Amino acid sequence: MYQSALEIEFHAQGLRFRREAPITVLYRDREIGRFRTDFVVDDLIVVETKAISALAKADYRQLLNYLYASTNEVGLLLNFGTVRLEHERKLYTNDRKVWLTSKPHMTGGKPEISGMPIPPNGLNPPASAEGQSRPEKTA
């Protein structure tokens, strides 16, 4: 229900978006899985929606994994399950994505949202400089 309302609002605001946009995960140039984001807005922002009583670490990791596996750098996590809308913005800059900086993945000069390889250490990149957002390590 909330996704449908967001879709109407995106149209009303004149925003370009894709609903359930796929992100293909590759390993050694072979597809090993896919993610489906709730929305990608203006080919820039990944929007993930929830309707739960409280966000969990897994919800944040999910959004950060989407950002790491794609060329998108900005993600919004929206939770409609609380009294007030709960929201979180996450950044994951492309210069920190080892797989992206070591090998260009471009099609016609424009980055693709899908077709991005998974790095050798999984979706959890090495520790970053202090003060930068990065995915949490999973157990």
C-alpha atoms as a PDB file:
ATOM      1  CA  MET A   1       0.000   0.000   0.000  1.00  0.00           C
ATOM      2  CA  TYR A   2       2.772   2.467   0.905  1.00  0.00           C
ATOM      3  CA  GLN A   3       4.709   1.638  -2.248  1.00  0.00           C
ATOM      4  CA  SER A   4       1.633   2.401  -4.347  1.00  0.00           C
ATOM      5  CA  ALA A   5       1.207   5.721  -2.543  1.00  0.00           C
ATOM      6  CA  LEU A   6       4.865   6.569  -3.155  1.00  0.00           C
ATOM      7  CA  GLU A   7       4.462   5.704  -6.819  1.00  0.00           C
ATOM      8  CA  ILE A   8       1.534   8.152  -7.081  1.00  0.00           C
ATOM      9  CA  GLU A   9       3.556  10.822  -5.283  1.00  0.00           C
ATOM     10  CA  PHE A  10       6.603  10.308  -7.519  1.00  0.00           C
ATOM     11  CA  HIS A  11       4.344  10.794 -10.558  1.00  0.00           C
ATOM     12  CA  ALA A  12       2.758  13.905  -8.999  1.00  0.00           C
ATOM     13  CA  GLN A  13       6.215  15.399  -8.355  1.00  0.00           C
ATOM     14  CA  GLY A  14       7.356  14.628 -11.905  1.00  0.00           C
ATOM     15  CA  LEU A  15      10.111  12.253 -10.775  1.00  0.00           C
ATOM     16  CA  ARG A  16      11.418   9.478 -12.992  1.00  0.00           C
ATOM     17  CA  PHE A  17      11.563   6.163 -11.161  1.00  0.00           C
ATOM     18  CA  ARG A  18      11.626   2.420 -11.574  1.00  0.00           C
ATOM     19  CA  ARG A  19       9.694   0.168  -9.227  1.00  0.00           C
ATOM     20  CA  GLU A  20      11.266  -3.158  -8.190  1.00  0.00           C
ATOM     21  CA  ALA A  21      14.406  -2.253 -10.111  1.00  0.00           C
ATOM     22  CA  PRO A  22      16.744  -5.252 -10.472  1.00  0.00           C
ATOM     23  CA  ILE A  23      20.389  -5.294  -9.463  1.00  0.00           C
ATOM     24  CA  THR A  24      22.216  -8.272 -10.938  1.00  0.00           C
ATOM     25  CA  VAL A  25      25.076  -9.616  -8.834  1.00  0.00           C
ATOM     26  CA  LEU A  26      27.939 -11.124 -10.812  1.00  0.00           C
ATOM     27  CA  TYR A  27      30.929 -13.169  -9.743  1.00  0.00           C
ATOM     28  CA  ARG A  28      33.664 -13.692 -12.345  1.00  0.00           C
ATOM     29  CA  ASP A  29      31.277 -12.349 -14.982  1.00  0.00           C
ATOM     30  CA  ARG A  30      28.580 -14.901 -14.073  1.00  0.00           C
ATOM     31  CA  GLU A  31      25.242 -14.032 -12.571  1.00  0.00           C
ATOM     32  CA  ILE A  32      24.943 -15.480  -9.088  1.00  0.00           C
ATOM     33  CA  GLY A  33      21.843 -13.637  -7.911  1.00  0.00           C
ATOM     34  CA  ARG A  34      19.652 -10.583  -8.076  1.00  0.00           C
ATOM     35  CA  PHE A  35      18.425  -7.949  -5.701  1.00  0.00           C
ATOM     36  CA  ARG A  36      15.169  -6.067  -6.240  1.00  0.00           C
ATOM     37  CA  THR A  37      15.026  -2.566  -4.874  1.00  0.00           C
ATOM     38  CA  ASP A  38      11.632  -1.097  -4.093  1.00  0.00           C
ATOM     39  CA  PHE A  39      12.429   2.007  -6.177  1.00  0.00           C
ATOM     40  CA  VAL A  40      15.256   3.734  -7.981  1.00  0.00           C
ATOM     41  CA  VAL A  41      14.456   7.429  -8.399  1.00  0.00           C
ATOM     42  CA  ASP A  42      16.006   9.461 -11.233  1.00  0.00           C
ATOM     43  CA  ASP A  43      18.570   6.651 -11.713  1.00  0.00           C
ATOM     44  CA  LEU A  44      20.303   8.063  -8.621  1.00  0.00           C
ATOM     45  CA  ILE A  45      18.559   7.176  -5.367  1.00  0.00           C
ATOM     46  CA  VAL A  46      17.697   3.696  -4.099  1.00  0.00           C
ATOM     47  CA  VAL A  47      14.516   3.818  -1.991  1.00  0.00           C
ATOM     48  CA  GLU A  48      13.704   0.865   0.240  1.00  0.00           C
ATOM     49  CA  THR A  49      10.376   0.839   2.092  1.00  0.00           C
ATOM     50  CA  LYS A  50       9.298  -1.028   5.192  1.00  0.00           C
ATOM     51  CA  ALA A  51       6.121  -1.148   7.279  1.00  0.00           C
ATOM     52  CA  ILE A  52       7.381  -2.629  10.551  1.00  0.00           C
ATOM     53  CA  SER A  53       7.349  -1.563  14.202  1.00  0.00           C
ATOM     54  CA  ALA A  54      11.113  -0.867  14.271  1.00  0.00           C
ATOM     55  CA  LEU A  55      13.951  -1.024  11.788  1.00  0.00           C
ATOM     56  CA  ALA A  56      16.534  -3.748  12.411  1.00  0.00           C
ATOM     57  CA  LYS A  57      20.225  -3.938  11.484  1.00  0.00           C
ATOM     58  CA  ALA A  58      19.278  -6.280   8.633  1.00  0.00           C
ATOM     59  CA  ASP A  59      17.171  -3.515   7.053  1.00  0.00           C
ATOM     60  CA  TYR A  60      20.149  -1.145   7.034  1.00  0.00           C
ATOM     61  CA  ARG A  61      22.458  -3.871   5.690  1.00  0.00           C
ATOM     62  CA  GLN A  62      19.987  -4.616   2.906  1.00  0.00           C
ATOM     63  CA  LEU A  63      20.058  -0.996   1.723  1.00  0.00           C
ATOM     64  CA  LEU A  64      23.857  -0.790   1.988  1.00  0.00           C
ATOM     65  CA  ASN A  65      24.227  -4.023   0.013  1.00  0.00           C
ATOM     66  CA  TYR A  66      22.048  -2.526  -2.743  1.00  0.00           C
ATOM     67  CA  LEU A  67      24.258   0.559  -2.814  1.00  0.00           C
ATOM     68  CA  TYR A  68      27.465  -1.458  -2.856  1.00  0.00           C
ATOM     69  CA  ALA A  69      26.287  -3.761  -5.661  1.00  0.00           C
ATOM     70  CA  SER A  70      25.161  -0.878  -7.896  1.00  0.00           C
ATOM     71  CA  THR A  71      26.544   2.452  -9.087  1.00  0.00           C
ATOM     72  CA  ASN A  72      23.978   4.306  -6.960  1.00  0.00           C
ATOM     73  CA  GLU A  73      25.513   6.271  -4.115  1.00  0.00           C
ATOM     74  CA  VAL A  74      22.461   7.460  -2.155  1.00  0.00           C
ATOM     75  CA  GLY A  75      19.870   5.305  -0.451  1.00  0.00           C
ATOM     76  CA  LEU A  76      16.745   6.086   1.550  1.00  0.00           C
ATOM     77  CA  LEU A  77      15.242   3.648   4.016  1.00  0.00           C
ATOM     78  CA  LEU A  78      11.628   4.563   4.807  1.00  0.00           C
ATOM     79  CA  ASN A  79       9.594   2.869   7.528  1.00  0.00           C
ATOM     80  CA  PHE A  80       5.858   3.517   7.462  1.00  0.00           C
ATOM     81  CA  GLY A  81       5.110   1.126  10.353  1.00  0.00           C
ATOM     82  CA  THR A  82       5.672   3.633  13.155  1.00  0.00           C
ATOM     83  CA  VAL A  83       3.524   6.507  14.427  1.00  0.00           C
ATOM     84  CA  ARG A  84       5.762   8.969  12.571  1.00  0.00           C
ATOM     85  CA  LEU A  85       7.570   8.161   9.355  1.00  0.00           C
ATOM     86  CA  GLU A  86      11.002   6.797  10.205  1.00  0.00           C
ATOM     87  CA  HIS A  87      13.665   7.557   7.607  1.00  0.00           C
ATOM     88  CA  GLU A  88      17.369   7.087   7.186  1.00  0.00           C
ATOM     89  CA  ARG A  89      19.676   8.273   4.414  1.00  0.00           C
ATOM     90  CA  LYS A  90      22.771   6.228   3.623  1.00  0.00           C
ATOM     91  CA  LEU A  91      25.676   7.166   1.361  1.00  0.00           C
ATOM     92  CA  TYR A  92      28.087   4.785  -0.285  1.00  0.00           C
ATOM     93  CA  THR A  93      30.302   6.626  -2.740  1.00  0.00           C
ATOM     94  CA  ASN A  94      31.486   4.908  -5.902  1.00  0.00           C
ATOM     95  CA  ASP A  95      35.151   5.717  -5.176  1.00  0.00           C
ATOM     96  CA  ARG A  96      34.917   3.296  -2.214  1.00  0.00           C
ATOM     97  CA  LYS A  97      33.563   0.415  -4.320  1.00  0.00           C
ATOM     98  CA  VAL A  98      36.670  -1.607  -5.111  1.00  0.00           C
ATOM     99  CA  TRP A  99      35.006  -3.541  -7.920  1.00  0.00           C
ATOM    100  CA  LEU A 100      33.922  -0.303  -9.598  1.00  0.00           C
ATOM    101  CA  THR A 101      37.178   1.623  -9.303  1.00  0.00           C
ATOM    102  CA  SER A 102      39.313  -1.279 -10.549  1.00  0.00           C
ATOM    103  CA  LYS A 103      37.296  -2.105 -13.686  1.00  0.00           C
ATOM    104  CA  PRO A 104      34.890   0.196 -15.527  1.00  0.00           C
ATOM    105  CA  HIS A 105      31.375  -1.185 -16.015  1.00  0.00           C
ATOM    106  CA  MET A 106      29.827   1.244 -18.418  1.00  0.00           C
ATOM    107  CA  THR A 107      27.357   0.853 -21.229  1.00  0.00           C
ATOM    108  CA  GLY A 108      27.211   3.635 -23.783  1.00  0.00           C
ATOM    109  CA  GLY A 109      28.936   5.975 -21.350  1.00  0.00           C
ATOM    110  CA  LYS A 110      26.245   5.555 -18.684  1.00  0.00           C
ATOM    111  CA  PRO A 111      26.560   3.328 -15.612  1.00  0.00           C
ATOM    112  CA  GLU A 112      24.115   0.443 -15.400  1.00  0.00           C
ATOM    113  CA  ILE A 113      22.157  -0.361 -12.258  1.00  0.00           C
ATOM    114  CA  SER A 114      22.588  -4.050 -12.964  1.00  0.00           C
ATOM    115  CA  GLY A 115      25.492  -6.169 -14.077  1.00  0.00           C
ATOM    116  CA  MET A 116      27.809  -5.143 -11.251  1.00  0.00           C
ATOM    117  CA  PRO A 117      30.191  -7.828  -9.976  1.00  0.00           C
ATOM    118  CA  ILE A 118      30.459  -8.780  -6.339  1.00  0.00           C
ATOM    119  CA  PRO A 119      33.913  -8.079  -4.854  1.00  0.00           C
ATOM    120  CA  PRO A 120      36.147 -10.964  -3.706  1.00  0.00           C
ATOM    121  CA  ASN A 121      35.285 -10.323  -0.052  1.00  0.00           C
ATOM    122  CA  GLY A 122      31.506 -10.376  -0.593  1.00  0.00           C
ATOM    123  CA  LEU A 123      29.296  -7.333  -0.221  1.00  0.00           C
ATOM    124  CA  ASN A 124      31.176  -6.125   2.841  1.00  0.00           C
ATOM    125  CA  PRO A 125      34.074  -3.923   1.712  1.00  0.00           C
ATOM    126  CA  PRO A 126      37.205  -3.353   3.809  1.00  0.00           C
ATOM    127  CA  ALA A 127      37.132  -0.846   6.668  1.00  0.00           C
ATOM    128  CA  SER A 128      36.959   2.743   5.507  1.00  0.00           C
ATOM    129  CA  ALA A 129      38.192   6.110   6.638  1.00  0.00           C
ATOM    130  CA  GLU A 130      36.683   7.469   9.828  1.00  0.00           C
ATOM    131  CA  GLY A 131      33.365   9.279   9.460  1.00  0.00           C
ATOM    132  CA  GLN A 132      32.281   7.584   6.254  1.00  0.00           C
ATOM    133  CA  SER A 133      29.219   5.375   6.053  1.00  0.00           C
ATOM    134  CA  ARG A 134      29.996   1.739   5.242  1.00  0.00           C
ATOM    135  CA  PRO A 135      28.165  -1.574   5.431  1.00  0.00           C
ATOM    136  CA  GLU A 136      28.323  -3.376   8.736  1.00  0.00           C
ATOM    137  CA  LYS A 137      30.125  -6.688   8.877  1.00  0.00           C
ATOM    138  CA  THR A 138      27.839  -9.677   9.060  1.00  0.00           C
ATOM    139  CA  ALA A 139      28.451 -12.565  11.387  1.00  0.00           C
END
